N, C-alpha and C. Protein backbone atom coordinates (compact mmCIF):
# COMPACT_ATOMS: atom_id res chain seq x y z
N MET A 1 19.81 9.74 1.90
CA MET A 1 19.78 8.31 1.69
C MET A 1 20.67 7.95 0.51
N ARG A 2 21.52 6.95 0.66
CA ARG A 2 22.41 6.55 -0.42
C ARG A 2 21.60 5.89 -1.54
N GLU A 3 22.16 5.89 -2.75
CA GLU A 3 21.50 5.30 -3.92
C GLU A 3 21.11 3.85 -3.68
N THR A 4 21.94 3.10 -2.99
CA THR A 4 21.66 1.68 -2.76
C THR A 4 20.55 1.46 -1.74
N GLU A 5 20.10 2.51 -1.09
CA GLU A 5 19.08 2.36 -0.07
C GLU A 5 17.72 2.91 -0.50
N HIS A 6 17.52 3.11 -1.79
CA HIS A 6 16.22 3.59 -2.24
C HIS A 6 15.13 2.63 -1.81
N ILE A 7 13.98 3.15 -1.52
CA ILE A 7 12.85 2.31 -1.17
C ILE A 7 12.43 1.57 -2.44
N PHE A 8 12.48 0.24 -2.36
CA PHE A 8 12.33 -0.62 -3.53
C PHE A 8 11.00 -0.38 -4.26
N ALA A 9 9.88 -0.46 -3.57
CA ALA A 9 8.58 -0.32 -4.22
C ALA A 9 8.44 1.07 -4.86
N GLU A 10 8.83 2.10 -4.14
CA GLU A 10 8.75 3.45 -4.70
C GLU A 10 9.67 3.61 -5.89
N GLY A 11 10.85 2.99 -5.81
CA GLY A 11 11.80 3.04 -6.92
C GLY A 11 11.25 2.39 -8.17
N ILE A 12 10.55 1.29 -8.02
CA ILE A 12 9.91 0.64 -9.17
C ILE A 12 8.77 1.50 -9.69
N ALA A 13 7.95 2.00 -8.77
CA ALA A 13 6.78 2.79 -9.17
C ALA A 13 7.16 4.05 -9.94
N ASP A 14 8.23 4.73 -9.51
CA ASP A 14 8.57 5.98 -10.19
C ASP A 14 9.67 5.85 -11.24
N GLY A 15 10.10 4.62 -11.51
CA GLY A 15 11.05 4.39 -12.59
C GLY A 15 12.51 4.46 -12.21
N ARG A 16 12.83 4.72 -10.92
CA ARG A 16 14.24 4.73 -10.51
C ARG A 16 14.84 3.33 -10.58
N ILE A 17 14.00 2.31 -10.38
CA ILE A 17 14.44 0.92 -10.44
C ILE A 17 13.60 0.20 -11.48
N LYS A 18 14.27 -0.49 -12.39
CA LYS A 18 13.58 -1.15 -13.49
C LYS A 18 13.96 -2.64 -13.50
N PRO A 19 12.95 -3.53 -13.52
CA PRO A 19 13.28 -4.96 -13.62
C PRO A 19 13.97 -5.24 -14.96
N MET A 20 15.07 -6.00 -14.89
CA MET A 20 15.83 -6.33 -16.09
C MET A 20 15.59 -7.79 -16.51
N LYS A 21 15.57 -8.67 -15.52
CA LYS A 21 15.49 -10.11 -15.78
C LYS A 21 14.71 -10.74 -14.65
N ARG A 22 13.84 -11.67 -14.97
CA ARG A 22 13.09 -12.37 -13.94
C ARG A 22 12.95 -13.82 -14.40
N ASP A 23 13.61 -14.71 -13.71
CA ASP A 23 13.56 -16.12 -14.05
C ASP A 23 12.94 -16.91 -12.91
N TYR A 24 12.03 -17.83 -13.25
CA TYR A 24 11.46 -18.75 -12.28
C TYR A 24 12.25 -20.05 -12.33
N VAL A 25 12.48 -20.64 -11.15
CA VAL A 25 13.14 -21.93 -11.06
C VAL A 25 12.28 -22.80 -10.15
N VAL A 26 11.91 -24.00 -10.66
CA VAL A 26 11.00 -24.88 -9.92
C VAL A 26 11.37 -26.33 -10.18
N GLY A 27 10.86 -27.23 -9.35
CA GLY A 27 11.01 -28.67 -9.56
C GLY A 27 12.46 -29.14 -9.51
N ASP A 28 12.80 -30.03 -10.45
CA ASP A 28 14.16 -30.58 -10.49
C ASP A 28 15.20 -29.48 -10.74
N ALA A 29 14.84 -28.49 -11.54
CA ALA A 29 15.78 -27.38 -11.80
C ALA A 29 16.06 -26.62 -10.50
N LEU A 30 15.05 -26.49 -9.63
CA LEU A 30 15.25 -25.83 -8.35
C LEU A 30 16.17 -26.68 -7.47
N ASP A 31 15.94 -27.98 -7.45
CA ASP A 31 16.80 -28.87 -6.67
C ASP A 31 18.26 -28.71 -7.10
N ASP A 32 18.50 -28.70 -8.41
CA ASP A 32 19.86 -28.53 -8.94
C ASP A 32 20.42 -27.16 -8.56
N PHE A 33 19.58 -26.13 -8.67
CA PHE A 33 20.00 -24.77 -8.33
C PHE A 33 20.41 -24.69 -6.86
N ILE A 34 19.58 -25.25 -5.97
CA ILE A 34 19.85 -25.23 -4.53
C ILE A 34 21.16 -25.96 -4.23
N GLN A 35 21.36 -27.10 -4.88
CA GLN A 35 22.59 -27.87 -4.66
C GLN A 35 23.83 -27.08 -5.07
N GLY A 36 23.69 -26.18 -6.04
CA GLY A 36 24.80 -25.38 -6.51
C GLY A 36 25.15 -24.20 -5.62
N LEU A 37 24.28 -23.89 -4.66
CA LEU A 37 24.54 -22.77 -3.75
C LEU A 37 25.52 -23.20 -2.66
N ASN A 38 26.27 -22.25 -2.14
CA ASN A 38 27.19 -22.59 -1.05
C ASN A 38 26.41 -22.80 0.24
N ASP A 39 27.05 -23.46 1.19
CA ASP A 39 26.38 -23.81 2.45
C ASP A 39 25.94 -22.59 3.25
N ALA A 40 26.55 -21.44 3.03
CA ALA A 40 26.20 -20.23 3.77
C ALA A 40 24.97 -19.52 3.20
N SER A 41 24.48 -19.97 2.06
CA SER A 41 23.33 -19.30 1.43
C SER A 41 22.08 -19.46 2.29
N PRO A 42 21.41 -18.34 2.63
CA PRO A 42 20.16 -18.45 3.39
C PRO A 42 19.08 -19.20 2.60
N ILE A 43 19.13 -19.10 1.28
CA ILE A 43 18.14 -19.83 0.47
C ILE A 43 18.36 -21.32 0.61
N ARG A 44 19.59 -21.75 0.57
CA ARG A 44 19.88 -23.18 0.71
C ARG A 44 19.46 -23.70 2.08
N SER A 45 19.83 -22.99 3.13
CA SER A 45 19.50 -23.48 4.48
C SER A 45 18.00 -23.45 4.74
N ALA A 46 17.30 -22.44 4.26
CA ALA A 46 15.85 -22.37 4.47
C ALA A 46 15.11 -23.45 3.68
N GLU A 47 15.56 -23.71 2.47
CA GLU A 47 14.92 -24.75 1.66
C GLU A 47 15.12 -26.12 2.31
N ARG A 48 16.29 -26.38 2.83
CA ARG A 48 16.55 -27.65 3.56
C ARG A 48 15.65 -27.74 4.79
N PHE A 49 15.53 -26.63 5.51
CA PHE A 49 14.67 -26.60 6.69
C PHE A 49 13.23 -26.91 6.31
N TRP A 50 12.71 -26.25 5.27
CA TRP A 50 11.33 -26.47 4.83
C TRP A 50 11.14 -27.93 4.43
N ARG A 51 12.07 -28.49 3.67
CA ARG A 51 11.97 -29.90 3.25
C ARG A 51 11.97 -30.85 4.44
N SER A 52 12.71 -30.51 5.48
CA SER A 52 12.74 -31.37 6.66
C SER A 52 11.39 -31.41 7.38
N LEU A 53 10.56 -30.40 7.16
CA LEU A 53 9.24 -30.33 7.77
C LEU A 53 8.15 -30.92 6.89
N SER A 54 8.45 -31.11 5.61
CA SER A 54 7.46 -31.57 4.62
C SER A 54 7.45 -33.09 4.54
N SER A 55 6.35 -33.60 4.02
CA SER A 55 6.27 -35.02 3.71
C SER A 55 5.56 -35.17 2.36
N GLU A 56 5.47 -36.38 1.89
CA GLU A 56 4.78 -36.64 0.62
C GLU A 56 3.31 -36.22 0.69
N THR A 57 2.73 -36.28 1.89
CA THR A 57 1.29 -36.04 2.03
C THR A 57 0.93 -34.76 2.77
N ARG A 58 1.93 -34.05 3.30
CA ARG A 58 1.62 -32.90 4.13
C ARG A 58 2.61 -31.77 3.92
N LEU A 59 2.06 -30.58 3.75
CA LEU A 59 2.88 -29.37 3.76
C LEU A 59 3.08 -28.94 5.21
N PRO A 60 4.20 -28.32 5.53
CA PRO A 60 4.37 -27.78 6.88
C PRO A 60 3.37 -26.65 7.13
N SER A 61 3.17 -26.33 8.40
CA SER A 61 2.29 -25.21 8.76
C SER A 61 3.12 -24.07 9.33
N ARG A 62 2.47 -22.94 9.53
CA ARG A 62 3.17 -21.78 10.09
C ARG A 62 3.70 -22.10 11.49
N ARG A 63 2.96 -22.88 12.26
CA ARG A 63 3.44 -23.19 13.61
C ARG A 63 4.64 -24.14 13.61
N ASP A 64 4.94 -24.77 12.47
CA ASP A 64 6.14 -25.59 12.35
C ASP A 64 7.42 -24.75 12.20
N ILE A 65 7.24 -23.49 11.86
CA ILE A 65 8.39 -22.61 11.61
C ILE A 65 8.92 -22.11 12.94
N ASP A 66 10.02 -22.69 13.36
CA ASP A 66 10.66 -22.37 14.63
C ASP A 66 11.88 -21.50 14.37
N PRO A 67 11.85 -20.23 14.79
CA PRO A 67 12.97 -19.33 14.53
C PRO A 67 14.31 -19.87 15.04
N ILE A 68 14.29 -20.58 16.14
CA ILE A 68 15.55 -21.12 16.68
C ILE A 68 16.14 -22.15 15.73
N LYS A 69 15.27 -22.97 15.13
CA LYS A 69 15.76 -24.00 14.20
C LYS A 69 16.15 -23.40 12.86
N ILE A 70 15.59 -22.27 12.51
CA ILE A 70 15.98 -21.60 11.26
C ILE A 70 17.42 -21.12 11.38
N GLY A 71 17.76 -20.59 12.52
CA GLY A 71 19.14 -20.16 12.78
C GLY A 71 19.36 -18.68 12.56
N PRO A 72 20.32 -18.12 13.29
CA PRO A 72 20.56 -16.68 13.26
C PRO A 72 21.09 -16.15 11.93
N ALA A 73 21.75 -16.98 11.14
CA ALA A 73 22.28 -16.50 9.86
C ALA A 73 21.17 -16.38 8.81
N THR A 74 20.17 -17.23 8.91
CA THR A 74 19.09 -17.25 7.91
C THR A 74 17.90 -16.38 8.32
N LEU A 75 17.64 -16.28 9.60
CA LEU A 75 16.46 -15.59 10.10
C LEU A 75 16.26 -14.17 9.56
N PRO A 76 17.32 -13.35 9.41
CA PRO A 76 17.10 -11.99 8.87
C PRO A 76 16.59 -11.98 7.43
N HIS A 77 16.70 -13.10 6.73
CA HIS A 77 16.30 -13.20 5.32
C HIS A 77 14.86 -13.71 5.15
N VAL A 78 14.19 -13.99 6.27
CA VAL A 78 12.85 -14.58 6.25
C VAL A 78 11.77 -13.52 6.08
N ALA A 79 10.77 -13.88 5.28
CA ALA A 79 9.52 -13.12 5.20
C ALA A 79 8.39 -14.14 5.28
N LEU A 80 7.40 -13.86 6.10
CA LEU A 80 6.18 -14.65 6.12
C LEU A 80 5.09 -13.82 5.49
N ILE A 81 4.40 -14.42 4.53
CA ILE A 81 3.37 -13.70 3.78
C ILE A 81 2.06 -14.44 3.95
N ASP A 82 1.06 -13.72 4.47
CA ASP A 82 -0.28 -14.30 4.62
C ASP A 82 -0.94 -14.39 3.26
N VAL A 83 -1.64 -15.50 3.02
CA VAL A 83 -2.45 -15.70 1.82
C VAL A 83 -3.89 -15.54 2.25
N LEU A 84 -4.54 -14.48 1.80
CA LEU A 84 -5.91 -14.16 2.22
C LEU A 84 -6.84 -14.33 1.03
N ARG A 85 -7.82 -15.18 1.21
CA ARG A 85 -8.74 -15.48 0.10
C ARG A 85 -10.13 -14.97 0.43
N ASP A 86 -10.65 -14.16 -0.45
CA ASP A 86 -12.05 -13.73 -0.45
C ASP A 86 -12.48 -13.87 -1.89
N ASP A 87 -12.91 -12.78 -2.50
CA ASP A 87 -13.21 -12.82 -3.93
C ASP A 87 -11.94 -12.98 -4.73
N ASP A 88 -10.89 -12.27 -4.31
CA ASP A 88 -9.56 -12.36 -4.92
C ASP A 88 -8.57 -12.78 -3.85
N THR A 89 -7.50 -13.40 -4.28
CA THR A 89 -6.43 -13.73 -3.34
C THR A 89 -5.55 -12.50 -3.16
N ARG A 90 -5.27 -12.18 -1.90
CA ARG A 90 -4.38 -11.06 -1.58
C ARG A 90 -3.24 -11.59 -0.73
N PHE A 91 -2.13 -10.89 -0.78
CA PHE A 91 -0.95 -11.28 -0.04
C PHE A 91 -0.54 -10.13 0.86
N ARG A 92 -0.30 -10.47 2.13
CA ARG A 92 0.08 -9.45 3.12
C ARG A 92 1.38 -9.89 3.81
N TYR A 93 2.32 -8.96 3.89
CA TYR A 93 3.56 -9.24 4.60
C TYR A 93 3.26 -9.31 6.10
N ARG A 94 3.38 -10.49 6.68
CA ARG A 94 3.15 -10.69 8.11
C ARG A 94 4.41 -10.36 8.91
N LEU A 95 5.56 -10.79 8.40
CA LEU A 95 6.82 -10.61 9.11
C LEU A 95 7.94 -10.44 8.09
N LEU A 96 8.83 -9.49 8.35
CA LEU A 96 9.99 -9.28 7.48
C LEU A 96 11.24 -9.22 8.33
N GLY A 97 12.24 -10.03 7.97
CA GLY A 97 13.52 -9.97 8.65
C GLY A 97 14.30 -8.73 8.23
N GLY A 98 15.34 -8.43 8.99
CA GLY A 98 16.14 -7.23 8.75
C GLY A 98 16.76 -7.16 7.37
N ALA A 99 17.24 -8.29 6.83
CA ALA A 99 17.84 -8.28 5.49
C ALA A 99 16.80 -7.98 4.42
N VAL A 100 15.57 -8.45 4.64
CA VAL A 100 14.48 -8.19 3.68
C VAL A 100 14.12 -6.70 3.72
N ILE A 101 14.06 -6.14 4.91
CA ILE A 101 13.76 -4.72 5.04
C ILE A 101 14.83 -3.88 4.36
N ARG A 102 16.09 -4.29 4.47
CA ARG A 102 17.18 -3.57 3.80
C ARG A 102 17.03 -3.65 2.27
N ILE A 103 16.64 -4.80 1.75
CA ILE A 103 16.44 -4.93 0.30
C ILE A 103 15.32 -4.00 -0.14
N PHE A 104 14.19 -4.03 0.59
CA PHE A 104 13.05 -3.19 0.23
C PHE A 104 13.29 -1.72 0.55
N GLY A 105 14.12 -1.43 1.55
CA GLY A 105 14.35 -0.06 1.96
C GLY A 105 13.28 0.47 2.88
N GLN A 106 12.34 -0.39 3.26
CA GLN A 106 11.24 0.02 4.13
C GLN A 106 10.61 -1.23 4.72
N ASP A 107 10.05 -1.12 5.90
CA ASP A 107 9.37 -2.24 6.55
C ASP A 107 7.91 -2.27 6.09
N TYR A 108 7.57 -3.28 5.33
CA TYR A 108 6.21 -3.44 4.81
C TYR A 108 5.36 -4.38 5.65
N THR A 109 5.77 -4.65 6.89
CA THR A 109 5.00 -5.54 7.76
C THR A 109 3.55 -5.06 7.84
N ASN A 110 2.62 -6.00 7.69
CA ASN A 110 1.17 -5.77 7.72
C ASN A 110 0.64 -4.99 6.52
N ARG A 111 1.44 -4.86 5.48
CA ARG A 111 0.98 -4.19 4.26
C ARG A 111 0.67 -5.24 3.20
N TYR A 112 -0.34 -4.97 2.40
CA TYR A 112 -0.70 -5.83 1.27
C TYR A 112 0.17 -5.44 0.08
N ILE A 113 0.58 -6.44 -0.72
CA ILE A 113 1.45 -6.10 -1.85
C ILE A 113 0.71 -5.25 -2.88
N ASP A 114 -0.62 -5.36 -2.94
CA ASP A 114 -1.35 -4.55 -3.91
C ASP A 114 -1.47 -3.09 -3.48
N GLU A 115 -0.97 -2.76 -2.30
CA GLU A 115 -0.98 -1.37 -1.82
C GLU A 115 0.37 -0.68 -1.97
N LEU A 116 1.34 -1.35 -2.58
CA LEU A 116 2.69 -0.81 -2.62
C LEU A 116 3.00 0.00 -3.86
N GLY A 117 2.06 0.12 -4.80
CA GLY A 117 2.28 0.94 -5.97
C GLY A 117 3.31 0.37 -6.93
N LEU A 118 3.29 -0.93 -7.13
CA LEU A 118 4.29 -1.59 -7.97
C LEU A 118 3.95 -1.60 -9.46
N GLY A 119 2.79 -1.12 -9.83
CA GLY A 119 2.41 -1.11 -11.25
C GLY A 119 2.39 -2.51 -11.83
N GLU A 120 2.95 -2.67 -13.04
CA GLU A 120 2.93 -3.97 -13.70
C GLU A 120 3.75 -5.02 -12.96
N VAL A 121 4.70 -4.60 -12.14
CA VAL A 121 5.48 -5.54 -11.35
C VAL A 121 4.58 -6.25 -10.33
N PHE A 122 3.54 -5.55 -9.86
CA PHE A 122 2.60 -6.19 -8.93
C PHE A 122 2.02 -7.46 -9.53
N ASP A 123 1.62 -7.42 -10.80
CA ASP A 123 1.03 -8.59 -11.44
C ASP A 123 2.01 -9.76 -11.46
N ARG A 124 3.26 -9.47 -11.73
CA ARG A 124 4.28 -10.54 -11.76
C ARG A 124 4.50 -11.15 -10.39
N ILE A 125 4.60 -10.30 -9.37
CA ILE A 125 4.82 -10.80 -8.02
C ILE A 125 3.59 -11.56 -7.53
N SER A 126 2.42 -11.02 -7.79
CA SER A 126 1.18 -11.69 -7.41
C SER A 126 1.06 -13.05 -8.11
N ASP A 127 1.39 -13.10 -9.40
CA ASP A 127 1.37 -14.37 -10.13
C ASP A 127 2.38 -15.35 -9.55
N PHE A 128 3.55 -14.85 -9.18
CA PHE A 128 4.59 -15.69 -8.58
C PHE A 128 4.06 -16.33 -7.29
N TYR A 129 3.53 -15.51 -6.38
CA TYR A 129 3.00 -16.04 -5.12
C TYR A 129 1.80 -16.96 -5.37
N GLY A 130 0.94 -16.59 -6.32
CA GLY A 130 -0.20 -17.43 -6.66
C GLY A 130 0.22 -18.79 -7.20
N THR A 131 1.30 -18.82 -7.99
CA THR A 131 1.81 -20.08 -8.53
C THR A 131 2.28 -21.00 -7.41
N VAL A 132 2.90 -20.43 -6.39
CA VAL A 132 3.34 -21.23 -5.24
C VAL A 132 2.12 -21.82 -4.53
N CYS A 133 1.08 -21.02 -4.38
CA CYS A 133 -0.13 -21.50 -3.70
C CYS A 133 -0.79 -22.64 -4.46
N VAL A 134 -0.93 -22.48 -5.76
CA VAL A 134 -1.60 -23.50 -6.58
C VAL A 134 -0.72 -24.73 -6.76
N GLY A 135 0.57 -24.53 -7.03
CA GLY A 135 1.49 -25.64 -7.27
C GLY A 135 1.90 -26.38 -6.01
N ARG A 136 1.76 -25.71 -4.85
CA ARG A 136 2.07 -26.32 -3.55
C ARG A 136 3.50 -26.84 -3.47
N GLN A 137 4.40 -26.13 -4.14
CA GLN A 137 5.82 -26.48 -4.09
C GLN A 137 6.65 -25.21 -4.14
N PRO A 138 7.89 -25.29 -3.67
CA PRO A 138 8.75 -24.09 -3.68
C PRO A 138 8.99 -23.57 -5.09
N LEU A 139 9.16 -22.27 -5.17
CA LEU A 139 9.44 -21.60 -6.44
C LEU A 139 10.43 -20.47 -6.15
N LEU A 140 11.45 -20.38 -6.99
CA LEU A 140 12.46 -19.33 -6.84
C LEU A 140 12.28 -18.31 -7.94
N LEU A 141 12.35 -17.05 -7.58
CA LEU A 141 12.35 -15.94 -8.53
C LEU A 141 13.71 -15.28 -8.44
N ASP A 142 14.44 -15.33 -9.53
CA ASP A 142 15.78 -14.75 -9.62
C ASP A 142 15.65 -13.50 -10.48
N GLY A 143 15.83 -12.33 -9.87
CA GLY A 143 15.60 -11.09 -10.60
C GLY A 143 16.80 -10.17 -10.60
N ALA A 144 16.99 -9.48 -11.69
CA ALA A 144 18.01 -8.45 -11.80
C ALA A 144 17.31 -7.12 -12.04
N TYR A 145 17.83 -6.07 -11.44
CA TYR A 145 17.22 -4.75 -11.51
C TYR A 145 18.28 -3.73 -11.84
N GLU A 146 17.83 -2.63 -12.47
CA GLU A 146 18.75 -1.55 -12.81
C GLU A 146 18.20 -0.25 -12.24
N ARG A 147 19.08 0.49 -11.59
CA ARG A 147 18.71 1.81 -11.10
C ARG A 147 18.87 2.81 -12.23
N ARG A 148 18.19 3.91 -12.12
CA ARG A 148 18.21 4.94 -13.17
C ARG A 148 19.63 5.37 -13.51
N LYS A 149 20.50 5.41 -12.52
CA LYS A 149 21.88 5.85 -12.74
C LYS A 149 22.73 4.75 -13.37
N GLY A 150 22.15 3.59 -13.66
CA GLY A 150 22.86 2.55 -14.38
C GLY A 150 23.41 1.42 -13.53
N SER A 151 23.47 1.58 -12.22
CA SER A 151 23.98 0.47 -11.40
C SER A 151 22.92 -0.63 -11.36
N ARG A 152 23.39 -1.84 -11.27
CA ARG A 152 22.49 -2.99 -11.27
C ARG A 152 22.67 -3.79 -9.99
N PHE A 153 21.60 -4.47 -9.60
CA PHE A 153 21.68 -5.39 -8.47
C PHE A 153 20.78 -6.57 -8.75
N GLN A 154 21.01 -7.63 -8.02
CA GLN A 154 20.25 -8.86 -8.20
C GLN A 154 19.79 -9.34 -6.83
N PHE A 155 18.55 -9.82 -6.77
CA PHE A 155 18.15 -10.54 -5.57
C PHE A 155 17.24 -11.68 -5.94
N ARG A 156 17.26 -12.66 -5.08
CA ARG A 156 16.46 -13.86 -5.26
C ARG A 156 15.46 -13.95 -4.14
N ARG A 157 14.29 -14.49 -4.47
CA ARG A 157 13.31 -14.80 -3.44
C ARG A 157 12.85 -16.23 -3.68
N LEU A 158 12.86 -17.01 -2.62
CA LEU A 158 12.36 -18.37 -2.65
C LEU A 158 11.10 -18.38 -1.81
N ALA A 159 9.99 -18.82 -2.40
CA ALA A 159 8.72 -18.91 -1.69
C ALA A 159 8.35 -20.37 -1.53
N MET A 160 8.00 -20.75 -0.29
CA MET A 160 7.64 -22.13 0.03
C MET A 160 6.29 -22.12 0.73
N PRO A 161 5.36 -22.99 0.31
CA PRO A 161 4.01 -22.96 0.87
C PRO A 161 3.92 -23.58 2.25
N LEU A 162 3.06 -22.99 3.08
CA LEU A 162 2.68 -23.54 4.38
C LEU A 162 1.17 -23.69 4.38
N ALA A 163 0.66 -24.75 4.98
CA ALA A 163 -0.77 -25.04 4.93
C ALA A 163 -1.39 -25.02 6.32
N ASP A 164 -2.69 -24.72 6.35
CA ASP A 164 -3.45 -24.74 7.60
C ASP A 164 -3.94 -26.16 7.89
N GLU A 165 -4.75 -26.31 8.92
CA GLU A 165 -5.24 -27.64 9.33
C GLU A 165 -6.16 -28.28 8.28
N ASN A 166 -6.69 -27.48 7.36
CA ASN A 166 -7.52 -28.00 6.26
C ASN A 166 -6.70 -28.25 5.00
N ASP A 167 -5.39 -28.17 5.11
CA ASP A 167 -4.45 -28.40 4.02
C ASP A 167 -4.56 -27.34 2.91
N GLN A 168 -5.00 -26.15 3.27
CA GLN A 168 -5.05 -25.02 2.34
C GLN A 168 -3.81 -24.15 2.57
N VAL A 169 -3.16 -23.74 1.50
CA VAL A 169 -2.00 -22.86 1.65
C VAL A 169 -2.50 -21.52 2.20
N ASP A 170 -2.01 -21.18 3.39
CA ASP A 170 -2.43 -19.94 4.04
C ASP A 170 -1.27 -18.98 4.33
N THR A 171 -0.05 -19.46 4.13
CA THR A 171 1.13 -18.64 4.39
C THR A 171 2.23 -19.05 3.42
N LEU A 172 3.05 -18.09 3.05
CA LEU A 172 4.24 -18.37 2.26
C LEU A 172 5.46 -18.06 3.13
N PHE A 173 6.33 -19.04 3.24
CA PHE A 173 7.59 -18.91 3.95
C PHE A 173 8.62 -18.54 2.89
N CYS A 174 9.10 -17.31 2.93
CA CYS A 174 9.97 -16.80 1.87
C CYS A 174 11.34 -16.43 2.42
N ILE A 175 12.31 -16.57 1.55
CA ILE A 175 13.68 -16.18 1.86
C ILE A 175 14.15 -15.24 0.75
N PHE A 176 14.69 -14.10 1.15
CA PHE A 176 15.21 -13.12 0.21
C PHE A 176 16.72 -13.03 0.39
N GLU A 177 17.42 -12.98 -0.73
CA GLU A 177 18.87 -12.85 -0.69
C GLU A 177 19.30 -11.87 -1.77
N GLN A 178 19.94 -10.79 -1.36
CA GLN A 178 20.47 -9.84 -2.33
C GLN A 178 21.91 -10.23 -2.63
N LEU A 179 22.24 -10.22 -3.92
CA LEU A 179 23.58 -10.56 -4.37
C LEU A 179 24.33 -9.28 -4.68
N GLN A 180 25.60 -9.42 -4.93
CA GLN A 180 26.41 -8.28 -5.31
C GLN A 180 25.87 -7.66 -6.59
N ALA A 181 26.29 -6.48 -6.87
CA ALA A 181 25.88 -5.81 -8.11
C ALA A 181 26.23 -6.69 -9.30
N VAL A 182 25.35 -6.67 -10.30
CA VAL A 182 25.58 -7.47 -11.51
C VAL A 182 26.05 -6.59 -12.64
C-alpha cells in the first residue's frame, strides 16, 4: 500500500497521521467561504443543494436527498451519518461515497465512529457532529494532517443536518473533499 493510501483511522490511532490544524467555519463565515470555492467544488455544490431543500422553518430530511439531483461529480464525496440517541449520542456511517472511502483508506459503512480507535481525535469529531445536531446548521471542519514521514495533506468535511418527521436531527449529510498536499 502506498503512503498516501494509509487507513486514516488506524494512521491516527498509531501515530502515522497526526492532526496539525482543525478550523471550524459556520454561519456568515461559512457563506463567505462557500462563495470563495470554485464551481467544481463538491462542497459548494452540496451546500447549494442542501440550501435548496431547506426553509426558514424546516430542515430537509434524508428522503429529500436524491442522488440524481446531487450529481455524479459530487456523489462520490457524500457520506450519510446516522445520529443515534440513547443515553449518549452515537454516530454511524450509513453510506460512504468512493472519494470518502479513498480519504479514509477503508469503507466504514455501518461502523460507529467510536469504534474506529481514533483516541482524542474521536472527541473532536464527535463534538463536531454534535455541534451540527444542536446548532441545526451546516458546519465545516477544515483540517490539515501530517504523516510520520513528513508529508502533509488537507481535507475538509462539511456536515449539514437532516431532520425526521418530528423535526429531530437524525442524519448528517456530509461532503468530504481532500485537497492537494499542503
